[in-house]
């Protein structure tokens, strides 16, 4: 039996270390009205201050 090393796909990470489901670092984002921080669109609350996007 032989073993082989599988190469990992190129996964880009965002500055905060997270990745989008498609592997890109720049997923759709929304800007918090409270602190003007860009947050990943899959999140319902701002990653910085916790304000709801709705």
N, C-alpha and C. Protein backbone atom coordinates (compact mmCIF):
# COMPACT_ATOMS: atom_id res chain seq x y z
N UNK A 1 0.84 -1.17 0.00
CA UNK A 1 0.00 0.00 0.00
C UNK A 1 0.89 1.24 0.00
N UNK A 2 0.48 2.20 -0.78
CA UNK A 2 1.24 3.44 -0.83
C UNK A 2 0.39 4.58 -0.28
N UNK A 3 1.06 5.56 0.21
CA UNK A 3 0.34 6.74 0.70
C UNK A 3 0.66 7.90 -0.22
N UNK A 4 -0.28 8.74 -0.38
CA UNK A 4 -0.04 9.92 -1.20
C UNK A 4 -0.47 11.16 -0.42
N UNK A 5 0.14 12.23 -0.75
CA UNK A 5 -0.19 13.49 -0.10
C UNK A 5 -1.16 14.25 -0.99
N UNK A 6 -2.30 14.57 -0.43
CA UNK A 6 -3.28 15.34 -1.18
C UNK A 6 -2.98 16.82 -0.98
N UNK A 7 -2.97 17.55 -2.07
CA UNK A 7 -2.74 18.98 -1.96
C UNK A 7 -4.02 19.67 -1.54
N UNK A 8 -3.87 20.60 -0.64
CA UNK A 8 -5.02 21.39 -0.21
C UNK A 8 -5.36 22.40 -1.28
N UNK A 9 -6.64 22.65 -1.50
CA UNK A 9 -6.98 23.71 -2.45
C UNK A 9 -6.53 25.06 -1.92
N UNK A 10 -6.33 25.98 -2.81
CA UNK A 10 -5.90 27.32 -2.43
C UNK A 10 -7.06 28.01 -1.71
N UNK A 11 -6.94 28.17 -0.41
CA UNK A 11 -7.98 28.81 0.38
C UNK A 11 -7.43 30.14 0.87
N UNK A 12 -8.09 31.19 0.47
CA UNK A 12 -7.66 32.53 0.88
C UNK A 12 -8.40 32.93 2.14
N UNK A 13 -7.70 33.53 3.06
CA UNK A 13 -8.32 33.94 4.31
C UNK A 13 -8.40 35.45 4.39
N UNK A 14 -9.43 35.91 5.05
CA UNK A 14 -9.60 37.34 5.28
C UNK A 14 -8.64 37.77 6.38
N UNK A 15 -8.43 39.06 6.56
CA UNK A 15 -7.51 39.53 7.60
C UNK A 15 -7.86 39.01 9.00
N UNK A 16 -9.15 38.75 9.25
CA UNK A 16 -9.53 38.23 10.56
C UNK A 16 -9.41 36.72 10.64
N UNK A 17 -8.93 36.07 9.58
CA UNK A 17 -8.68 34.64 9.60
C UNK A 17 -9.82 33.78 9.09
N UNK A 18 -10.96 34.39 8.80
CA UNK A 18 -12.10 33.61 8.33
C UNK A 18 -12.11 33.54 6.81
N UNK A 19 -12.76 32.52 6.28
CA UNK A 19 -12.93 32.39 4.84
C UNK A 19 -14.41 32.32 4.51
N UNK A 20 -14.73 32.68 3.30
CA UNK A 20 -16.11 32.56 2.82
C UNK A 20 -16.36 31.11 2.43
N UNK A 21 -17.62 30.69 2.35
CA UNK A 21 -17.91 29.30 1.97
C UNK A 21 -17.32 28.89 0.63
N UNK A 22 -17.16 29.81 -0.29
CA UNK A 22 -16.58 29.47 -1.58
C UNK A 22 -15.06 29.55 -1.57
N UNK A 23 -14.46 29.83 -0.43
CA UNK A 23 -13.01 29.87 -0.30
C UNK A 23 -12.39 31.22 -0.56
N UNK A 24 -13.20 32.19 -0.95
CA UNK A 24 -12.64 33.52 -1.21
C UNK A 24 -12.58 34.32 0.09
N UNK A 25 -11.66 35.23 0.14
CA UNK A 25 -11.52 36.04 1.34
C UNK A 25 -12.52 37.18 1.37
N UNK A 26 -12.99 37.58 0.20
CA UNK A 26 -13.88 38.74 0.13
C UNK A 26 -15.28 38.31 -0.26
N UNK A 27 -16.00 37.77 0.69
CA UNK A 27 -17.39 37.42 0.46
C UNK A 27 -18.21 38.70 0.45
N UNK A 28 -19.48 38.56 0.15
CA UNK A 28 -20.35 39.73 0.22
C UNK A 28 -20.29 40.28 1.64
N UNK A 29 -20.23 41.58 1.73
CA UNK A 29 -20.15 42.22 3.04
C UNK A 29 -21.21 43.30 3.17
N UNK A 30 -21.47 43.69 4.38
CA UNK A 30 -22.33 44.84 4.66
C UNK A 30 -21.59 45.74 5.62
N UNK A 31 -21.91 47.02 5.59
CA UNK A 31 -21.24 48.00 6.44
C UNK A 31 -22.15 48.37 7.60
N UNK A 32 -21.62 48.26 8.80
CA UNK A 32 -22.37 48.58 10.01
C UNK A 32 -22.67 50.08 10.05
N UNK A 33 -23.94 50.42 10.30
CA UNK A 33 -24.32 51.83 10.39
C UNK A 33 -23.76 52.49 11.65
N UNK A 34 -23.47 51.68 12.66
CA UNK A 34 -23.01 52.20 13.94
C UNK A 34 -21.51 52.52 13.93
N UNK A 35 -20.69 51.57 13.51
CA UNK A 35 -19.23 51.76 13.61
C UNK A 35 -18.51 51.77 12.26
N UNK A 36 -19.27 51.60 11.17
CA UNK A 36 -18.71 51.64 9.81
C UNK A 36 -17.71 50.53 9.51
N UNK A 37 -17.82 49.41 10.21
CA UNK A 37 -16.96 48.26 9.97
C UNK A 37 -17.63 47.35 8.95
N UNK A 38 -16.86 46.81 8.00
CA UNK A 38 -17.42 45.85 7.05
C UNK A 38 -17.48 44.48 7.73
N UNK A 39 -18.62 43.82 7.58
CA UNK A 39 -18.85 42.52 8.20
C UNK A 39 -19.32 41.54 7.14
N UNK A 40 -18.91 40.29 7.25
CA UNK A 40 -19.30 39.23 6.34
C UNK A 40 -20.82 39.13 6.26
N UNK A 41 -21.37 38.98 5.06
CA UNK A 41 -22.82 39.00 4.86
C UNK A 41 -23.55 37.86 5.56
N UNK A 42 -22.87 36.77 5.85
CA UNK A 42 -23.56 35.66 6.51
C UNK A 42 -23.83 35.95 7.98
N UNK A 43 -23.18 36.97 8.52
CA UNK A 43 -23.40 37.34 9.92
C UNK A 43 -24.57 38.31 10.03
N UNK A 44 -25.40 38.13 11.05
CA UNK A 44 -26.54 39.03 11.27
C UNK A 44 -26.16 40.21 12.15
N UNK A 45 -25.04 40.08 12.87
CA UNK A 45 -24.59 41.16 13.75
C UNK A 45 -23.18 41.58 13.36
N UNK A 46 -22.88 42.83 13.63
CA UNK A 46 -21.56 43.38 13.34
C UNK A 46 -20.50 42.61 14.11
N UNK A 47 -19.43 42.25 13.44
CA UNK A 47 -18.35 41.50 14.09
C UNK A 47 -17.60 42.36 15.10
N UNK A 48 -17.69 43.68 14.96
CA UNK A 48 -16.94 44.57 15.84
C UNK A 48 -17.75 45.03 17.04
N UNK A 49 -18.95 45.59 16.78
CA UNK A 49 -19.72 46.18 17.89
C UNK A 49 -20.97 45.40 18.27
N UNK A 50 -21.39 44.44 17.44
CA UNK A 50 -22.54 43.61 17.78
C UNK A 50 -23.89 44.16 17.37
N UNK A 51 -23.91 45.28 16.64
CA UNK A 51 -25.17 45.86 16.19
C UNK A 51 -25.80 44.97 15.13
N UNK A 52 -27.12 44.79 15.19
CA UNK A 52 -27.84 43.99 14.21
C UNK A 52 -27.87 44.71 12.88
N UNK A 53 -27.76 43.95 11.79
CA UNK A 53 -27.79 44.57 10.47
C UNK A 53 -29.19 44.90 10.02
N UNK A 54 -30.21 44.41 10.72
CA UNK A 54 -31.60 44.62 10.29
C UNK A 54 -32.21 45.77 10.99
